[in-house]
Amino acid sequence: MANAREPKEVVRRFLDHGSTPDGWNMEVIAECFGDDYVSHTWGGDLAHTGARQARFFAGLEWGERLSRDLVAEGDLVVQRSTVRMRHVGEVFGVPATGREVTVEHVEMWRVRDGKIVEHWGGLGAGGQLYRALTTPTST
């Protein structure tokens, strides 16, 4: 794709405009994500990722982004950010406390032909650890 945007610009577009207070901005999602997208953190495609994120973040009310750095190398883009949130519902089995929390996270995307096709990390990575510790293994 000759006119594909640089990976860092694709990720920046998604981060700045891909969500609204009511959920995802589907026009921006379609613009930024490939049909073959997979999240290694959330364990699935875009629809699966959205459903898992909705459940995971239901107990957190987003507040202020305190910082964000984007670094790109080739087709990979890494974000390190710090956000302030309020704990308004159950998260990891912990009932709402109403407390304001500051969370730092790191996540990475791979961009191919101007579309995000893979994702790792972020706040959902904590969910991976929790699921690994609490999900029975099959023998």
N, C-alpha and C. Protein backbone atom coordinates (compact mmCIF):
# COMPACT_ATOMS: atom_id res chain seq x y z
N MET A 1 0.85 -1.17 0.00
CA MET A 1 0.00 0.00 0.00
C MET A 1 0.89 1.23 0.00
N ALA A 2 0.95 1.96 -1.10
CA ALA A 2 1.87 3.08 -1.28
C ALA A 2 1.56 4.26 -0.38
N ASN A 3 0.29 4.51 -0.06
CA ASN A 3 -0.08 5.68 0.72
C ASN A 3 -0.31 5.36 2.20
N ALA A 4 0.17 4.22 2.68
CA ALA A 4 -0.04 3.86 4.08
C ALA A 4 0.66 4.84 5.00
N ARG A 5 -0.03 5.21 6.08
CA ARG A 5 0.55 6.11 7.07
C ARG A 5 1.62 5.38 7.87
N GLU A 6 2.50 6.15 8.45
CA GLU A 6 3.54 5.60 9.31
C GLU A 6 2.89 4.93 10.51
N PRO A 7 3.48 3.84 11.00
CA PRO A 7 2.89 3.12 12.14
C PRO A 7 2.58 4.02 13.34
N LYS A 8 3.47 4.91 13.68
CA LYS A 8 3.25 5.78 14.84
C LYS A 8 2.01 6.66 14.65
N GLU A 9 1.78 7.12 13.44
CA GLU A 9 0.61 7.98 13.17
C GLU A 9 -0.69 7.18 13.23
N VAL A 10 -0.66 5.92 12.80
CA VAL A 10 -1.85 5.07 12.87
C VAL A 10 -2.23 4.86 14.34
N VAL A 11 -1.25 4.52 15.16
CA VAL A 11 -1.52 4.28 16.58
C VAL A 11 -1.96 5.57 17.26
N ARG A 12 -1.31 6.67 16.95
CA ARG A 12 -1.71 7.96 17.54
C ARG A 12 -3.16 8.30 17.18
N ARG A 13 -3.56 8.05 15.93
CA ARG A 13 -4.94 8.30 15.50
C ARG A 13 -5.91 7.47 16.33
N PHE A 14 -5.60 6.18 16.51
CA PHE A 14 -6.44 5.32 17.32
C PHE A 14 -6.51 5.81 18.76
N LEU A 15 -5.38 6.11 19.37
CA LEU A 15 -5.36 6.53 20.77
C LEU A 15 -6.09 7.85 20.98
N ASP A 16 -5.94 8.78 20.06
CA ASP A 16 -6.55 10.10 20.22
C ASP A 16 -8.03 10.14 19.86
N HIS A 17 -8.47 9.27 18.94
CA HIS A 17 -9.85 9.40 18.43
C HIS A 17 -10.63 8.09 18.38
N GLY A 18 -10.04 6.98 18.82
CA GLY A 18 -10.68 5.67 18.68
C GLY A 18 -11.73 5.33 19.71
N SER A 19 -11.84 6.13 20.76
CA SER A 19 -12.88 5.84 21.74
C SER A 19 -13.61 7.12 22.13
N THR A 20 -14.83 6.92 22.59
CA THR A 20 -15.67 8.01 23.07
C THR A 20 -16.15 7.62 24.46
N PRO A 21 -16.79 8.53 25.17
CA PRO A 21 -17.34 8.14 26.49
C PRO A 21 -18.35 6.99 26.39
N ASP A 22 -18.94 6.78 25.22
CA ASP A 22 -19.94 5.73 25.04
C ASP A 22 -19.37 4.44 24.44
N GLY A 23 -18.09 4.40 24.15
CA GLY A 23 -17.49 3.20 23.56
C GLY A 23 -16.56 3.57 22.42
N TRP A 24 -16.33 2.60 21.55
CA TRP A 24 -15.41 2.82 20.45
C TRP A 24 -16.02 3.69 19.37
N ASN A 25 -15.18 4.50 18.72
CA ASN A 25 -15.55 5.26 17.52
C ASN A 25 -15.30 4.31 16.35
N MET A 26 -16.35 3.67 15.85
CA MET A 26 -16.19 2.61 14.86
C MET A 26 -15.61 3.09 13.54
N GLU A 27 -15.81 4.34 13.19
CA GLU A 27 -15.20 4.88 11.97
C GLU A 27 -13.68 4.88 12.09
N VAL A 28 -13.17 5.30 13.23
CA VAL A 28 -11.72 5.32 13.46
C VAL A 28 -11.19 3.90 13.62
N ILE A 29 -11.95 3.05 14.27
CA ILE A 29 -11.53 1.65 14.42
C ILE A 29 -11.37 1.01 13.04
N ALA A 30 -12.33 1.20 12.16
CA ALA A 30 -12.25 0.64 10.81
C ALA A 30 -11.07 1.21 10.04
N GLU A 31 -10.77 2.47 10.26
CA GLU A 31 -9.66 3.13 9.59
C GLU A 31 -8.31 2.59 10.08
N CYS A 32 -8.21 2.25 11.36
CA CYS A 32 -6.91 1.95 11.97
C CYS A 32 -6.59 0.46 12.14
N PHE A 33 -7.60 -0.43 12.11
CA PHE A 33 -7.36 -1.84 12.41
C PHE A 33 -7.57 -2.72 11.20
N GLY A 34 -6.66 -3.68 11.02
CA GLY A 34 -6.77 -4.65 9.93
C GLY A 34 -7.79 -5.73 10.26
N ASP A 35 -8.32 -6.36 9.23
CA ASP A 35 -9.28 -7.45 9.41
C ASP A 35 -8.65 -8.64 10.13
N ASP A 36 -7.32 -8.76 10.05
CA ASP A 36 -6.63 -9.90 10.66
C ASP A 36 -6.04 -9.55 12.03
N TYR A 37 -6.51 -8.45 12.65
CA TYR A 37 -6.02 -8.01 13.96
C TYR A 37 -6.21 -9.10 15.01
N VAL A 38 -5.22 -9.22 15.90
CA VAL A 38 -5.33 -10.09 17.06
C VAL A 38 -4.65 -9.41 18.24
N SER A 39 -5.30 -9.49 19.40
CA SER A 39 -4.70 -9.00 20.63
C SER A 39 -4.19 -10.19 21.42
N HIS A 40 -2.89 -10.22 21.68
CA HIS A 40 -2.30 -11.29 22.47
C HIS A 40 -2.65 -11.10 23.95
N THR A 41 -2.94 -9.87 24.34
CA THR A 41 -3.34 -9.59 25.72
C THR A 41 -4.76 -10.03 25.98
N TRP A 42 -5.67 -9.62 25.10
CA TRP A 42 -7.09 -9.89 25.31
C TRP A 42 -7.52 -11.22 24.73
N GLY A 43 -6.63 -11.89 23.99
CA GLY A 43 -6.88 -13.24 23.52
C GLY A 43 -7.90 -13.37 22.42
N GLY A 44 -7.85 -12.46 21.42
CA GLY A 44 -8.79 -12.63 20.33
C GLY A 44 -8.76 -11.51 19.32
N ASP A 45 -9.75 -11.55 18.44
CA ASP A 45 -9.88 -10.55 17.38
C ASP A 45 -10.47 -9.26 17.95
N LEU A 46 -10.81 -8.34 17.07
CA LEU A 46 -11.28 -7.02 17.50
C LEU A 46 -12.58 -7.10 18.29
N ALA A 47 -13.54 -7.89 17.84
CA ALA A 47 -14.83 -8.00 18.56
C ALA A 47 -14.62 -8.61 19.94
N HIS A 48 -13.80 -9.66 20.01
CA HIS A 48 -13.51 -10.32 21.28
C HIS A 48 -12.79 -9.35 22.22
N THR A 49 -11.83 -8.61 21.68
CA THR A 49 -11.09 -7.64 22.47
C THR A 49 -12.03 -6.58 23.05
N GLY A 50 -12.92 -6.06 22.22
CA GLY A 50 -13.86 -5.04 22.69
C GLY A 50 -14.74 -5.54 23.81
N ALA A 51 -15.23 -6.76 23.68
CA ALA A 51 -16.11 -7.34 24.71
C ALA A 51 -15.35 -7.54 26.02
N ARG A 52 -14.14 -8.06 25.92
CA ARG A 52 -13.33 -8.28 27.13
C ARG A 52 -12.96 -6.96 27.79
N GLN A 53 -12.59 -5.96 26.99
CA GLN A 53 -12.25 -4.65 27.55
C GLN A 53 -13.45 -4.03 28.25
N ALA A 54 -14.63 -4.15 27.66
CA ALA A 54 -15.83 -3.57 28.25
C ALA A 54 -16.07 -4.15 29.64
N ARG A 55 -15.90 -5.46 29.79
CA ARG A 55 -16.08 -6.08 31.11
C ARG A 55 -14.97 -5.65 32.06
N PHE A 56 -13.73 -5.67 31.59
CA PHE A 56 -12.58 -5.37 32.45
C PHE A 56 -12.64 -3.93 32.97
N PHE A 57 -12.96 -2.99 32.07
CA PHE A 57 -12.92 -1.58 32.45
C PHE A 57 -14.23 -1.06 33.04
N ALA A 58 -15.25 -1.90 33.16
CA ALA A 58 -16.54 -1.45 33.68
C ALA A 58 -16.41 -0.89 35.10
N GLY A 59 -15.45 -1.38 35.86
CA GLY A 59 -15.27 -0.92 37.23
C GLY A 59 -14.35 0.27 37.38
N LEU A 60 -13.90 0.83 36.26
CA LEU A 60 -12.98 1.96 36.30
C LEU A 60 -13.54 3.14 35.53
N GLU A 61 -13.54 4.27 36.13
CA GLU A 61 -13.99 5.51 35.48
C GLU A 61 -12.73 6.28 35.09
N TRP A 62 -12.56 6.47 33.78
CA TRP A 62 -11.37 7.15 33.29
C TRP A 62 -11.37 8.61 33.71
N GLY A 63 -10.23 9.06 34.14
CA GLY A 63 -10.06 10.45 34.54
C GLY A 63 -9.13 11.16 33.58
N GLU A 64 -7.97 11.44 34.06
CA GLU A 64 -7.02 12.28 33.33
C GLU A 64 -5.82 11.46 32.87
N ARG A 65 -5.39 11.70 31.62
CA ARG A 65 -4.12 11.13 31.16
C ARG A 65 -3.03 12.07 31.65
N LEU A 66 -2.12 11.54 32.44
CA LEU A 66 -1.06 12.35 33.02
C LEU A 66 0.16 12.43 32.12
N SER A 67 0.41 11.36 31.38
CA SER A 67 1.54 11.37 30.45
C SER A 67 1.35 10.29 29.41
N ARG A 68 2.02 10.48 28.26
CA ARG A 68 2.02 9.44 27.23
C ARG A 68 3.24 9.65 26.35
N ASP A 69 3.95 8.58 26.13
CA ASP A 69 5.08 8.57 25.19
C ASP A 69 4.81 7.50 24.16
N LEU A 70 5.03 7.83 22.89
CA LEU A 70 4.96 6.86 21.80
C LEU A 70 6.34 6.75 21.18
N VAL A 71 6.80 5.51 21.03
CA VAL A 71 8.10 5.26 20.42
C VAL A 71 7.89 4.23 19.33
N ALA A 72 8.46 4.48 18.15
CA ALA A 72 8.28 3.56 17.03
C ALA A 72 9.63 3.08 16.51
N GLU A 73 9.64 1.82 16.13
CA GLU A 73 10.81 1.20 15.50
C GLU A 73 10.28 0.24 14.45
N GLY A 74 10.50 0.56 13.19
CA GLY A 74 9.97 -0.29 12.12
C GLY A 74 8.45 -0.34 12.18
N ASP A 75 7.90 -1.55 12.25
CA ASP A 75 6.44 -1.71 12.26
C ASP A 75 5.85 -1.78 13.67
N LEU A 76 6.68 -1.58 14.70
CA LEU A 76 6.23 -1.65 16.08
C LEU A 76 6.13 -0.27 16.71
N VAL A 77 5.05 -0.06 17.49
CA VAL A 77 4.84 1.20 18.20
C VAL A 77 4.56 0.84 19.66
N VAL A 78 5.29 1.48 20.57
CA VAL A 78 5.13 1.25 22.00
C VAL A 78 4.60 2.51 22.65
N GLN A 79 3.62 2.33 23.52
CA GLN A 79 3.08 3.44 24.30
C GLN A 79 3.39 3.18 25.77
N ARG A 80 3.90 4.19 26.44
CA ARG A 80 4.02 4.17 27.90
C ARG A 80 3.17 5.33 28.38
N SER A 81 2.23 5.04 29.27
CA SER A 81 1.37 6.12 29.71
C SER A 81 1.01 5.98 31.19
N THR A 82 0.58 7.08 31.73
CA THR A 82 0.11 7.13 33.11
C THR A 82 -1.26 7.79 33.08
N VAL A 83 -2.25 7.13 33.69
CA VAL A 83 -3.61 7.65 33.73
C VAL A 83 -4.13 7.63 35.16
N ARG A 84 -5.05 8.53 35.42
CA ARG A 84 -5.73 8.57 36.71
C ARG A 84 -7.15 8.07 36.49
N MET A 85 -7.59 7.16 37.36
CA MET A 85 -8.92 6.57 37.25
C MET A 85 -9.56 6.50 38.63
N ARG A 86 -10.88 6.32 38.62
CA ARG A 86 -11.61 6.11 39.87
C ARG A 86 -12.16 4.69 39.85
N HIS A 87 -12.01 3.99 40.99
CA HIS A 87 -12.47 2.61 41.14
C HIS A 87 -13.95 2.64 41.53
N VAL A 88 -14.84 2.46 40.52
CA VAL A 88 -16.28 2.63 40.72
C VAL A 88 -17.07 1.32 40.69
N GLY A 89 -16.42 0.23 40.40
CA GLY A 89 -17.09 -1.07 40.33
C GLY A 89 -16.10 -2.17 40.58
N GLU A 90 -16.57 -3.39 40.58
CA GLU A 90 -15.70 -4.52 40.87
C GLU A 90 -14.61 -4.68 39.82
N VAL A 91 -13.37 -4.83 40.28
CA VAL A 91 -12.22 -5.12 39.42
C VAL A 91 -11.41 -6.20 40.13
N PHE A 92 -11.15 -7.31 39.45
CA PHE A 92 -10.42 -8.43 40.02
C PHE A 92 -11.06 -8.93 41.31
N GLY A 93 -12.38 -8.84 41.40
CA GLY A 93 -13.09 -9.29 42.58
C GLY A 93 -13.08 -8.30 43.74
N VAL A 94 -12.45 -7.15 43.54
CA VAL A 94 -12.41 -6.12 44.58
C VAL A 94 -13.58 -5.17 44.36
N PRO A 95 -14.50 -5.08 45.33
CA PRO A 95 -15.64 -4.18 45.19
C PRO A 95 -15.19 -2.73 45.07
N ALA A 96 -16.05 -1.89 44.51
CA ALA A 96 -15.74 -0.46 44.33
C ALA A 96 -15.32 0.17 45.65
N THR A 97 -14.26 0.96 45.57
CA THR A 97 -13.78 1.69 46.74
C THR A 97 -14.03 3.19 46.60
N GLY A 98 -14.28 3.64 45.35
CA GLY A 98 -14.42 5.07 45.11
C GLY A 98 -13.09 5.80 45.09
N ARG A 99 -12.02 5.07 45.33
CA ARG A 99 -10.69 5.70 45.37
C ARG A 99 -10.22 6.08 43.98
N GLU A 100 -9.44 7.14 43.94
CA GLU A 100 -8.76 7.53 42.71
C GLU A 100 -7.42 6.80 42.70
N VAL A 101 -7.12 6.16 41.57
CA VAL A 101 -5.86 5.43 41.44
C VAL A 101 -5.09 5.95 40.23
N THR A 102 -3.79 5.90 40.33
CA THR A 102 -2.92 6.27 39.22
C THR A 102 -2.27 5.00 38.72
N VAL A 103 -2.40 4.75 37.42
CA VAL A 103 -1.92 3.50 36.84
C VAL A 103 -0.96 3.81 35.69
N GLU A 104 0.17 3.11 35.70
CA GLU A 104 1.12 3.20 34.59
C GLU A 104 1.03 1.91 33.80
N HIS A 105 1.11 2.05 32.48
CA HIS A 105 1.10 0.83 31.67
C HIS A 105 1.90 1.03 30.40
N VAL A 106 2.26 -0.11 29.83
CA VAL A 106 3.02 -0.15 28.58
C VAL A 106 2.30 -1.12 27.66
N GLU A 107 2.13 -0.71 26.40
CA GLU A 107 1.56 -1.62 25.42
C GLU A 107 2.23 -1.40 24.07
N MET A 108 2.08 -2.40 23.21
CA MET A 108 2.76 -2.37 21.92
C MET A 108 1.82 -2.86 20.83
N TRP A 109 1.92 -2.22 19.68
CA TRP A 109 1.14 -2.60 18.50
C TRP A 109 2.08 -2.85 17.33
N ARG A 110 1.67 -3.76 16.44
CA ARG A 110 2.36 -3.95 15.16
C ARG A 110 1.43 -3.44 14.09
N VAL A 111 1.99 -2.63 13.18
CA VAL A 111 1.22 -2.02 12.10
C VAL A 111 1.75 -2.54 10.77
N ARG A 112 0.83 -2.97 9.90
CA ARG A 112 1.21 -3.44 8.56
C ARG A 112 0.29 -2.76 7.55
N ASP A 113 0.89 -2.15 6.54
CA ASP A 113 0.13 -1.48 5.48
C ASP A 113 -0.87 -0.47 6.02
N GLY A 114 -0.46 0.28 7.05
CA GLY A 114 -1.30 1.33 7.59
C GLY A 114 -2.42 0.87 8.51
N LYS A 115 -2.39 -0.40 8.95
CA LYS A 115 -3.43 -0.94 9.83
C LYS A 115 -2.78 -1.67 11.02
N ILE A 116 -3.37 -1.52 12.19
CA ILE A 116 -2.91 -2.24 13.37
C ILE A 116 -3.33 -3.70 13.22
N VAL A 117 -2.36 -4.62 13.36
CA VAL A 117 -2.66 -6.04 13.18
C VAL A 117 -2.36 -6.88 14.42
N GLU A 118 -1.58 -6.36 15.37
CA GLU A 118 -1.31 -7.10 16.60
C GLU A 118 -1.18 -6.13 17.77
N HIS A 119 -1.46 -6.65 18.97
CA HIS A 119 -1.37 -5.86 20.21
C HIS A 119 -0.87 -6.74 21.35
N TRP A 120 -0.04 -6.14 22.21
CA TRP A 120 0.45 -6.79 23.42
C TRP A 120 0.41 -5.79 24.56
N GLY A 121 0.17 -6.25 25.77
CA GLY A 121 0.35 -5.44 26.98
C GLY A 121 -0.82 -4.56 27.34
N GLY A 122 -0.52 -3.45 28.00
CA GLY A 122 -1.54 -2.52 28.47
C GLY A 122 -2.13 -2.96 29.80
N LEU A 123 -3.17 -2.28 30.21
CA LEU A 123 -3.81 -2.60 31.49
C LEU A 123 -4.39 -4.01 31.49
N GLY A 124 -4.78 -4.49 30.33
CA GLY A 124 -5.33 -5.84 30.24
C GLY A 124 -4.34 -6.92 30.59
N ALA A 125 -3.04 -6.62 30.54
CA ALA A 125 -2.04 -7.62 30.89
C ALA A 125 -2.21 -8.07 32.33
N GLY A 126 -2.67 -7.18 33.20
CA GLY A 126 -2.97 -7.56 34.57
C GLY A 126 -4.08 -8.60 34.61
N GLY A 127 -5.03 -8.46 33.69
CA GLY A 127 -6.11 -9.43 33.58
C GLY A 127 -5.59 -10.80 33.16
N GLN A 128 -4.57 -10.82 32.32
CA GLN A 128 -3.98 -12.09 31.91
C GLN A 128 -3.41 -12.82 33.11
N LEU A 129 -2.69 -12.09 33.94
CA LEU A 129 -2.11 -12.70 35.14
C LEU A 129 -3.22 -13.22 36.05
N TYR A 130 -4.24 -12.41 36.25
CA TYR A 130 -5.34 -12.83 37.11
C TYR A 130 -6.01 -14.08 36.57
N ARG A 131 -6.29 -14.11 35.25
CA ARG A 131 -6.91 -15.29 34.66
C ARG A 131 -6.02 -16.52 34.78
N ALA A 132 -4.70 -16.33 34.59
CA ALA A 132 -3.77 -17.46 34.69
C ALA A 132 -3.77 -18.04 36.11
N LEU A 133 -3.92 -17.17 37.10
CA LEU A 133 -3.89 -17.63 38.49
C LEU A 133 -5.20 -18.24 38.95
N THR A 134 -6.30 -17.87 38.31
CA THR A 134 -7.61 -18.29 38.80
C THR A 134 -8.35 -19.28 37.90
N THR A 135 -7.84 -19.52 36.69
CA THR A 135 -8.51 -20.44 35.78
C THR A 135 -7.93 -21.84 35.96
N PRO A 136 -8.78 -22.81 36.24
CA PRO A 136 -8.27 -24.18 36.39
C PRO A 136 -7.64 -24.67 35.09
N THR A 137 -6.58 -25.42 35.19
CA THR A 137 -5.94 -25.98 33.99
C THR A 137 -6.55 -27.34 33.72
N SER A 138 -6.60 -27.69 32.46
CA SER A 138 -7.11 -29.02 32.11
C SER A 138 -5.95 -29.98 32.02
N THR A 139 -6.17 -31.18 32.49
CA THR A 139 -5.08 -32.17 32.48
C THR A 139 -5.42 -33.33 31.59
